[in-house]
Amino acid sequence: VIAGFAVMGMLTYYRILAKENVSTEPSMTGK
């Protein structure tokens, strides 16, 4: 559960970045 939720949460974050064409800044990743 820990590994699965973590990887799905990270992948969701990267899909949103790609869809909205937003630059990946460390501060945004941390948020």
PDB file of all heavy atoms in Angstrom:
ATOM      1  N   VAL A   1       0.839  -1.209   0.000  1.00  0.00           N
ATOM      2  CA  VAL A   1       0.000   0.000   0.000  1.00  0.00           C
ATOM      3  C   VAL A   1       0.871   1.256   0.000  1.00  0.00           C
ATOM      4  O   VAL A   1       0.609   2.210  -0.750  1.00  0.00           O
ATOM      5  CB  VAL A   1      -0.947  -0.018   1.212  1.00  0.00           C
ATOM      6  CG1 VAL A   1      -1.596   1.345   1.401  1.00  0.00           C
ATOM      7  CG2 VAL A   1      -2.014  -1.093   1.034  1.00  0.00           C
ATOM      8  N   ILE A   2       1.908   1.266   0.816  1.00  0.00           N
ATOM      9  CA  ILE A   2       2.789   2.440   0.861  1.00  0.00           C
ATOM     10  C   ILE A   2       3.455   2.659  -0.490  1.00  0.00           C
ATOM     11  O   ILE A   2       3.428   3.772  -1.048  1.00  0.00           O
ATOM     12  CB  ILE A   2       3.845   2.265   1.973  1.00  0.00           C
ATOM     13  CG1 ILE A   2       3.186   2.289   3.348  1.00  0.00           C
ATOM     14  CG2 ILE A   2       4.906   3.363   1.875  1.00  0.00           C
ATOM     15  CD1 ILE A   2       4.142   1.997   4.485  1.00  0.00           C
ATOM     16  N   ALA A   3       4.068   1.615  -1.041  1.00  0.00           N
ATOM     17  CA  ALA A   3       4.769   1.756  -2.324  1.00  0.00           C
ATOM     18  C   ALA A   3       3.798   2.093  -3.447  1.00  0.00           C
ATOM     19  O   ALA A   3       4.088   2.952  -4.295  1.00  0.00           O
ATOM     20  CB  ALA A   3       5.521   0.471  -2.636  1.00  0.00           C
ATOM     21  N   GLY A   4       2.633   1.433  -3.473  1.00  0.00           N
ATOM     22  CA  GLY A   4       1.672   1.669  -4.548  1.00  0.00           C
ATOM     23  C   GLY A   4       1.093   3.067  -4.523  1.00  0.00           C
ATOM     24  O   GLY A   4       1.020   3.738  -5.564  1.00  0.00           O
ATOM     25  N   PHE A   5       0.660   3.542  -3.347  1.00  0.00           N
ATOM     26  CA  PHE A   5       0.116   4.892  -3.257  1.00  0.00           C
ATOM     27  C   PHE A   5       1.179   5.939  -3.597  1.00  0.00           C
ATOM     28  O   PHE A   5       0.884   6.956  -4.242  1.00  0.00           O
ATOM     29  CB  PHE A   5      -0.442   5.147  -1.864  1.00  0.00           C
ATOM     30  CG  PHE A   5      -1.798   4.522  -1.643  1.00  0.00           C
ATOM     31  CD1 PHE A   5      -2.407   3.773  -2.639  1.00  0.00           C
ATOM     32  CD2 PHE A   5      -2.468   4.680  -0.445  1.00  0.00           C
ATOM     33  CE1 PHE A   5      -3.641   3.198  -2.445  1.00  0.00           C
ATOM     34  CE2 PHE A   5      -3.720   4.110  -0.246  1.00  0.00           C
ATOM     35  CZ  PHE A   5      -4.297   3.367  -1.239  1.00  0.00           C
ATOM     36  N   ALA A   6       2.403   5.685  -3.158  1.00  0.00           N
ATOM     37  CA  ALA A   6       3.474   6.649  -3.432  1.00  0.00           C
ATOM     38  C   ALA A   6       3.744   6.757  -4.919  1.00  0.00           C
ATOM     39  O   ALA A   6       3.834   7.863  -5.473  1.00  0.00           O
ATOM     40  CB  ALA A   6       4.740   6.240  -2.680  1.00  0.00           C
ATOM     41  N   VAL A   7       3.891   5.626  -5.598  1.00  0.00           N
ATOM     42  CA  VAL A   7       4.208   5.679  -7.021  1.00  0.00           C
ATOM     43  C   VAL A   7       3.037   6.239  -7.821  1.00  0.00           C
ATOM     44  O   VAL A   7       3.228   7.004  -8.779  1.00  0.00           O
ATOM     45  CB  VAL A   7       4.631   4.278  -7.523  1.00  0.00           C
ATOM     46  CG1 VAL A   7       3.461   3.323  -7.591  1.00  0.00           C
ATOM     47  CG2 VAL A   7       5.293   4.376  -8.882  1.00  0.00           C
ATOM     48  N   MET A   8       1.781   5.902  -7.450  1.00  0.00           N
ATOM     49  CA  MET A   8       0.632   6.451  -8.176  1.00  0.00           C
ATOM     50  C   MET A   8       0.502   7.953  -7.937  1.00  0.00           C
ATOM     51  O   MET A   8       0.149   8.713  -8.852  1.00  0.00           O
ATOM     52  CB  MET A   8      -0.643   5.732  -7.750  1.00  0.00           C
ATOM     53  CG  MET A   8      -0.762   4.316  -8.304  1.00  0.00           C
ATOM     54  SD  MET A   8      -2.422   3.622  -8.130  1.00  0.00           S
ATOM     55  CE  MET A   8      -2.614   3.626  -6.355  1.00  0.00           C
ATOM     56  N   GLY A   9       0.800   8.409  -6.706  1.00  0.00           N
ATOM     57  CA  GLY A   9       0.758   9.849  -6.445  1.00  0.00           C
ATOM     58  C   GLY A   9       1.785  10.611  -7.248  1.00  0.00           C
ATOM     59  O   GLY A   9       1.494  11.683  -7.806  1.00  0.00           O
ATOM     60  N   MET A  10       3.005  10.068  -7.341  1.00  0.00           N
ATOM     61  CA  MET A  10       4.052  10.734  -8.119  1.00  0.00           C
ATOM     62  C   MET A  10       3.715  10.744  -9.605  1.00  0.00           C
ATOM     63  O   MET A  10       3.920  11.754 -10.294  1.00  0.00           O
ATOM     64  CB  MET A  10       5.387  10.030  -7.878  1.00  0.00           C
ATOM     65  CG  MET A  10       5.900  10.152  -6.446  1.00  0.00           C
ATOM     66  SD  MET A  10       7.422   9.241  -6.166  1.00  0.00           S
ATOM     67  CE  MET A  10       8.559  10.177  -7.206  1.00  0.00           C
ATOM     68  N   LEU A  11       3.214   9.641 -10.121  1.00  0.00           N
ATOM     69  CA  LEU A  11       2.860   9.585 -11.542  1.00  0.00           C
ATOM     70  C   LEU A  11       1.719  10.544 -11.862  1.00  0.00           C
ATOM     71  O   LEU A  11       1.698  11.163 -12.938  1.00  0.00           O
ATOM     72  CB  LEU A  11       2.468   8.160 -11.926  1.00  0.00           C
ATOM     73  CG  LEU A  11       3.621   7.135 -11.962  1.00  0.00           C
ATOM     74  CD1 LEU A  11       3.083   5.746 -12.271  1.00  0.00           C
ATOM     75  CD2 LEU A  11       4.670   7.543 -12.990  1.00  0.00           C
ATOM     76  N   THR A  12       0.754  10.668 -10.945  1.00  0.00           N
ATOM     77  CA  THR A  12      -0.333  11.634 -11.157  1.00  0.00           C
ATOM     78  C   THR A  12       0.218  13.049 -11.242  1.00  0.00           C
ATOM     79  O   THR A  12      -0.202  13.863 -12.092  1.00  0.00           O
ATOM     80  CB  THR A  12      -1.355  11.529 -10.011  1.00  0.00           C
ATOM     81  OG1 THR A  12      -1.876  10.203  -9.949  1.00  0.00           O
ATOM     82  CG2 THR A  12      -2.503  12.507 -10.216  1.00  0.00           C
ATOM     83  N   TYR A  13       1.191  13.359 -10.394  1.00  0.00           N
ATOM     84  CA  TYR A  13       1.824  14.679 -10.409  1.00  0.00           C
ATOM     85  C   TYR A  13       2.503  14.947 -11.744  1.00  0.00           C
ATOM     86  O   TYR A  13       2.328  16.024 -12.349  1.00  0.00           O
ATOM     87  CB  TYR A  13       2.838  14.757  -9.261  1.00  0.00           C
ATOM     88  CG  TYR A  13       3.741  15.959  -9.307  1.00  0.00           C
ATOM     89  CD1 TYR A  13       3.244  17.232  -9.078  1.00  0.00           C
ATOM     90  CD2 TYR A  13       5.103  15.809  -9.572  1.00  0.00           C
ATOM     91  CE1 TYR A  13       4.074  18.332  -9.113  1.00  0.00           C
ATOM     92  CE2 TYR A  13       5.942  16.897  -9.606  1.00  0.00           C
ATOM     93  CZ  TYR A  13       5.427  18.165  -9.380  1.00  0.00           C
ATOM     94  OH  TYR A  13       6.256  19.256  -9.417  1.00  0.00           O
ATOM     95  N   TYR A  14       3.229  13.970 -12.254  1.00  0.00           N
ATOM     96  CA  TYR A  14       3.927  14.164 -13.522  1.00  0.00           C
ATOM     97  C   TYR A  14       2.968  14.217 -14.700  1.00  0.00           C
ATOM     98  O   TYR A  14       3.230  14.927 -15.692  1.00  0.00           O
ATOM     99  CB  TYR A  14       4.965  13.056 -13.723  1.00  0.00           C
ATOM    100  CG  TYR A  14       6.179  13.237 -12.848  1.00  0.00           C
ATOM    101  CD1 TYR A  14       6.487  12.316 -11.863  1.00  0.00           C
ATOM    102  CD2 TYR A  14       7.006  14.349 -12.998  1.00  0.00           C
ATOM    103  CE1 TYR A  14       7.591  12.486 -11.038  1.00  0.00           C
ATOM    104  CE2 TYR A  14       8.120  14.528 -12.183  1.00  0.00           C
ATOM    105  CZ  TYR A  14       8.402  13.593 -11.200  1.00  0.00           C
ATOM    106  OH  TYR A  14       9.501  13.779 -10.389  1.00  0.00           O
ATOM    107  N   ARG A  15       1.842  13.507 -14.642  1.00  0.00           N
ATOM    108  CA  ARG A  15       0.853  13.610 -15.716  1.00  0.00           C
ATOM    109  C   ARG A  15       0.227  14.992 -15.749  1.00  0.00           C
ATOM    110  O   ARG A  15      -0.025  15.558 -16.823  1.00  0.00           O
ATOM    111  CB  ARG A  15      -0.243  12.542 -15.534  1.00  0.00           C
ATOM    112  CG  ARG A  15       0.197  11.130 -15.843  1.00  0.00           C
ATOM    113  CD  ARG A  15      -1.002  10.230 -16.143  1.00  0.00           C
ATOM    114  NE  ARG A  15      -1.973  10.252 -15.060  1.00  0.00           N
ATOM    115  CZ  ARG A  15      -1.941   9.443 -14.007  1.00  0.00           C
ATOM    116  NH1 ARG A  15      -0.976   8.553 -13.889  1.00  0.00           N
ATOM    117  NH2 ARG A  15      -2.870   9.511 -13.074  1.00  0.00           N
ATOM    118  N   ILE A  16      -0.022  15.569 -14.584  1.00  0.00           N
ATOM    119  CA  ILE A  16      -0.589  16.927 -14.526  1.00  0.00           C
ATOM    120  C   ILE A  16       0.396  17.937 -15.106  1.00  0.00           C
ATOM    121  O   ILE A  16       0.015  18.841 -15.865  1.00  0.00           O
ATOM    122  CB  ILE A  16      -0.959  17.285 -13.074  1.00  0.00           C
ATOM    123  CG1 ILE A  16      -2.125  16.413 -12.592  1.00  0.00           C
ATOM    124  CG2 ILE A  16      -1.321  18.755 -12.959  1.00  0.00           C
ATOM    125  CD1 ILE A  16      -2.462  16.603 -11.133  1.00  0.00           C
ATOM    126  N   LEU A  17       1.669  17.786 -14.759  1.00  0.00           N
ATOM    127  CA  LEU A  17       2.679  18.699 -15.303  1.00  0.00           C
ATOM    128  C   LEU A  17       2.734  18.618 -16.821  1.00  0.00           C
ATOM    129  O   LEU A  17       2.825  19.641 -17.515  1.00  0.00           O
ATOM    130  CB  LEU A  17       4.047  18.372 -14.709  1.00  0.00           C
ATOM    131  CG  LEU A  17       4.245  18.636 -13.215  1.00  0.00           C
ATOM    132  CD1 LEU A  17       5.664  18.280 -12.809  1.00  0.00           C
ATOM    133  CD2 LEU A  17       3.948  20.094 -12.864  1.00  0.00           C
ATOM    134  N   ALA A  18       2.679  17.387 -17.352  1.00  0.00           N
ATOM    135  CA  ALA A  18       2.757  17.236 -18.804  1.00  0.00           C
ATOM    136  C   ALA A  18       1.506  17.772 -19.487  1.00  0.00           C
ATOM    137  O   ALA A  18       1.579  18.394 -20.552  1.00  0.00           O
ATOM    138  CB  ALA A  18       2.955  15.764 -19.157  1.00  0.00           C
ATOM    139  N   LYS A  19       0.341  17.570 -18.874  1.00  0.00           N
ATOM    140  CA  LYS A  19      -0.906  18.011 -19.478  1.00  0.00           C
ATOM    141  C   LYS A  19      -1.013  19.530 -19.489  1.00  0.00           C
ATOM    142  O   LYS A  19      -1.487  20.126 -20.468  1.00  0.00           O
ATOM    143  CB  LYS A  19      -2.078  17.405 -18.721  1.00  0.00           C
ATOM    144  CG  LYS A  19      -3.443  17.742 -19.302  1.00  0.00           C
ATOM    145  CD  LYS A  19      -4.545  17.047 -18.528  1.00  0.00           C
ATOM    146  CE  LYS A  19      -5.909  17.397 -19.114  1.00  0.00           C
ATOM    147  NZ  LYS A  19      -7.010  16.728 -18.366  1.00  0.00           N
ATOM    148  N   GLU A  20      -0.598  20.162 -18.381  1.00  0.00           N
ATOM    149  CA  GLU A  20      -0.725  21.616 -18.265  1.00  0.00           C
ATOM    150  C   GLU A  20       0.507  22.357 -18.775  1.00  0.00           C
ATOM    151  O   GLU A  20       0.539  23.592 -18.753  1.00  0.00           O
ATOM    152  CB  GLU A  20      -0.971  21.986 -16.802  1.00  0.00           C
ATOM    153  CG  GLU A  20      -2.205  21.344 -16.191  1.00  0.00           C
ATOM    154  CD  GLU A  20      -3.484  21.784 -16.888  1.00  0.00           C
ATOM    155  OE1 GLU A  20      -3.480  22.894 -17.474  1.00  0.00           O
ATOM    156  OE2 GLU A  20      -4.469  21.024 -16.854  1.00  0.00           O
ATOM    157  N   ASN A  21       1.547  21.572 -19.162  1.00  0.00           N
ATOM    158  CA  ASN A  21       2.779  22.170 -19.683  1.00  0.00           C
ATOM    159  C   ASN A  21       3.390  23.155 -18.687  1.00  0.00           C
ATOM    160  O   ASN A  21       3.720  24.296 -19.006  1.00  0.00           O
ATOM    161  CB  ASN A  21       2.500  22.877 -21.020  1.00  0.00           C
ATOM    162  CG  ASN A  21       3.778  23.137 -21.780  1.00  0.00           C
ATOM    163  OD1 ASN A  21       4.802  22.491 -21.544  1.00  0.00           O
ATOM    164  ND2 ASN A  21       3.734  24.104 -22.700  1.00  0.00           N
ATOM    165  N   VAL A  22       3.499  22.662 -17.428  1.00  0.00           N
ATOM    166  CA  VAL A  22       4.041  23.485 -16.352  1.00  0.00           C
ATOM    167  C   VAL A  22       5.479  23.062 -16.100  1.00  0.00           C
ATOM    168  O   VAL A  22       5.808  21.869 -16.131  1.00  0.00           O
ATOM    169  CB  VAL A  22       3.202  23.317 -15.071  1.00  0.00           C
ATOM    170  CG1 VAL A  22       3.774  24.158 -13.942  1.00  0.00           C
ATOM    171  CG2 VAL A  22       1.758  23.711 -15.349  1.00  0.00           C
ATOM    172  N   SER A  23       6.339  24.027 -15.828  1.00  0.00           N
ATOM    173  CA  SER A  23       7.738  23.712 -15.546  1.00  0.00           C
ATOM    174  C   SER A  23       7.854  23.075 -14.161  1.00  0.00           C
ATOM    175  O   SER A  23       7.120  23.419 -13.242  1.00  0.00           O
ATOM    176  CB  SER A  23       8.594  24.978 -15.598  1.00  0.00           C
ATOM    177  OG  SER A  23       8.149  25.904 -14.625  1.00  0.00           O
ATOM    178  N   THR A  24       8.777  22.123 -14.022  1.00  0.00           N
ATOM    179  CA  THR A  24       8.970  21.408 -12.755  1.00  0.00           C
ATOM    180  C   THR A  24       9.985  22.133 -11.904  1.00  0.00           C
ATOM    181  O   THR A  24      11.191  22.097 -12.161  1.00  0.00           O
ATOM    182  CB  THR A  24       9.446  19.973 -13.030  1.00  0.00           C
ATOM    183  OG1 THR A  24      10.652  20.034 -13.789  1.00  0.00           O
ATOM    184  CG2 THR A  24       8.410  19.192 -13.807  1.00  0.00           C
ATOM    185  N   GLU A  25       9.519  22.826 -10.909  1.00  0.00           N
ATOM    186  CA  GLU A  25      10.404  23.502  -9.968  1.00  0.00           C
ATOM    187  C   GLU A  25      10.439  22.706  -8.667  1.00  0.00           C
ATOM    188  O   GLU A  25       9.440  22.118  -8.260  1.00  0.00           O
ATOM    189  CB  GLU A  25       9.892  24.911  -9.696  1.00  0.00           C
ATOM    190  CG  GLU A  25       9.855  25.796 -10.940  1.00  0.00           C
ATOM    191  CD  GLU A  25       9.329  27.186 -10.620  1.00  0.00           C
ATOM    192  OE1 GLU A  25       8.979  27.412  -9.441  1.00  0.00           O
ATOM    193  OE2 GLU A  25       9.250  28.013 -11.545  1.00  0.00           O
ATOM    194  N   PRO A  26      11.576  22.689  -7.993  1.00  0.00           N
ATOM    195  CA  PRO A  26      11.686  21.925  -6.748  1.00  0.00           C
ATOM    196  C   PRO A  26      10.651  22.334  -5.712  1.00  0.00           C
ATOM    197  O   PRO A  26      10.131  21.493  -4.976  1.00  0.00           O
ATOM    198  CB  PRO A  26      13.110  22.224  -6.279  1.00  0.00           C
ATOM    199  CG  PRO A  26      13.847  22.569  -7.539  1.00  0.00           C
ATOM    200  CD  PRO A  26      12.861  23.273  -8.409  1.00  0.00           C
ATOM    201  N   SER A  27      10.328  23.611  -5.663  1.00  0.00           N
ATOM    202  CA  SER A  27       9.359  24.068  -4.671  1.00  0.00           C
ATOM    203  C   SER A  27       7.969  23.502  -4.949  1.00  0.00           C
ATOM    204  O   SER A  27       7.239  23.108  -4.026  1.00  0.00           O
ATOM    205  CB  SER A  27       9.301  25.598  -4.656  1.00  0.00           C
ATOM    206  OG  SER A  27       8.932  26.091  -5.952  1.00  0.00           O
ATOM    207  N   MET A  28       7.601  23.456  -6.241  1.00  0.00           N
ATOM    208  CA  MET A  28       6.294  22.903  -6.600  1.00  0.00           C
ATOM    209  C   MET A  28       6.251  21.400  -6.314  1.00  0.00           C
ATOM    210  O   MET A  28       5.230  20.883  -5.833  1.00  0.00           O
ATOM    211  CB  MET A  28       6.004  23.171  -8.076  1.00  0.00           C
ATOM    212  CG  MET A  28       4.636  22.663  -8.532  1.00  0.00           C
ATOM    213  SD  MET A  28       4.277  23.098 -10.233  1.00  0.00           S
ATOM    214  CE  MET A  28       4.168  24.880 -10.102  1.00  0.00           C
ATOM    215  N   THR A  29       7.339  20.716  -6.601  1.00  0.00           N
ATOM    216  CA  THR A  29       7.396  19.274  -6.320  1.00  0.00           C
ATOM    217  C   THR A  29       7.223  19.010  -4.827  1.00  0.00           C
ATOM    218  O   THR A  29       6.512  18.099  -4.415  1.00  0.00           O
ATOM    219  CB  THR A  29       8.730  18.695  -6.812  1.00  0.00           C
ATOM    220  OG1 THR A  29       8.875  18.957  -8.209  1.00  0.00           O
ATOM    221  CG2 THR A  29       8.783  17.191  -6.569  1.00  0.00           C
ATOM    222  N   GLY A  30       7.861  19.840  -4.020  1.00  0.00           N
ATOM    223  CA  GLY A  30       7.730  19.677  -2.574  1.00  0.00           C
ATOM    224  C   GLY A  30       6.320  19.915  -2.099  1.00  0.00           C
ATOM    225  O   GLY A  30       5.821  19.212  -1.197  1.00  0.00           O
ATOM    226  N   LYS A  31       5.636  20.912  -2.678  1.00  0.00           N
ATOM    227  CA  LYS A  31       4.259  21.188  -2.287  1.00  0.00           C
ATOM    228  C   LYS A  31       3.326  20.013  -2.596  1.00  0.00           C
ATOM    229  O   LYS A  31       2.317  19.810  -1.936  1.00  0.00           O
ATOM    230  CB  LYS A  31       3.759  22.442  -3.001  1.00  0.00           C
ATOM    231  CG  LYS A  31       4.417  23.723  -2.526  1.00  0.00           C
ATOM    232  CD  LYS A  31       3.881  24.923  -3.286  1.00  0.00           C
ATOM    233  CE  LYS A  31       4.537  26.218  -2.817  1.00  0.00           C
ATOM    234  NZ  LYS A  31       4.050  27.390  -3.575  1.00  0.00           N
TER     235      LYS A  31
END
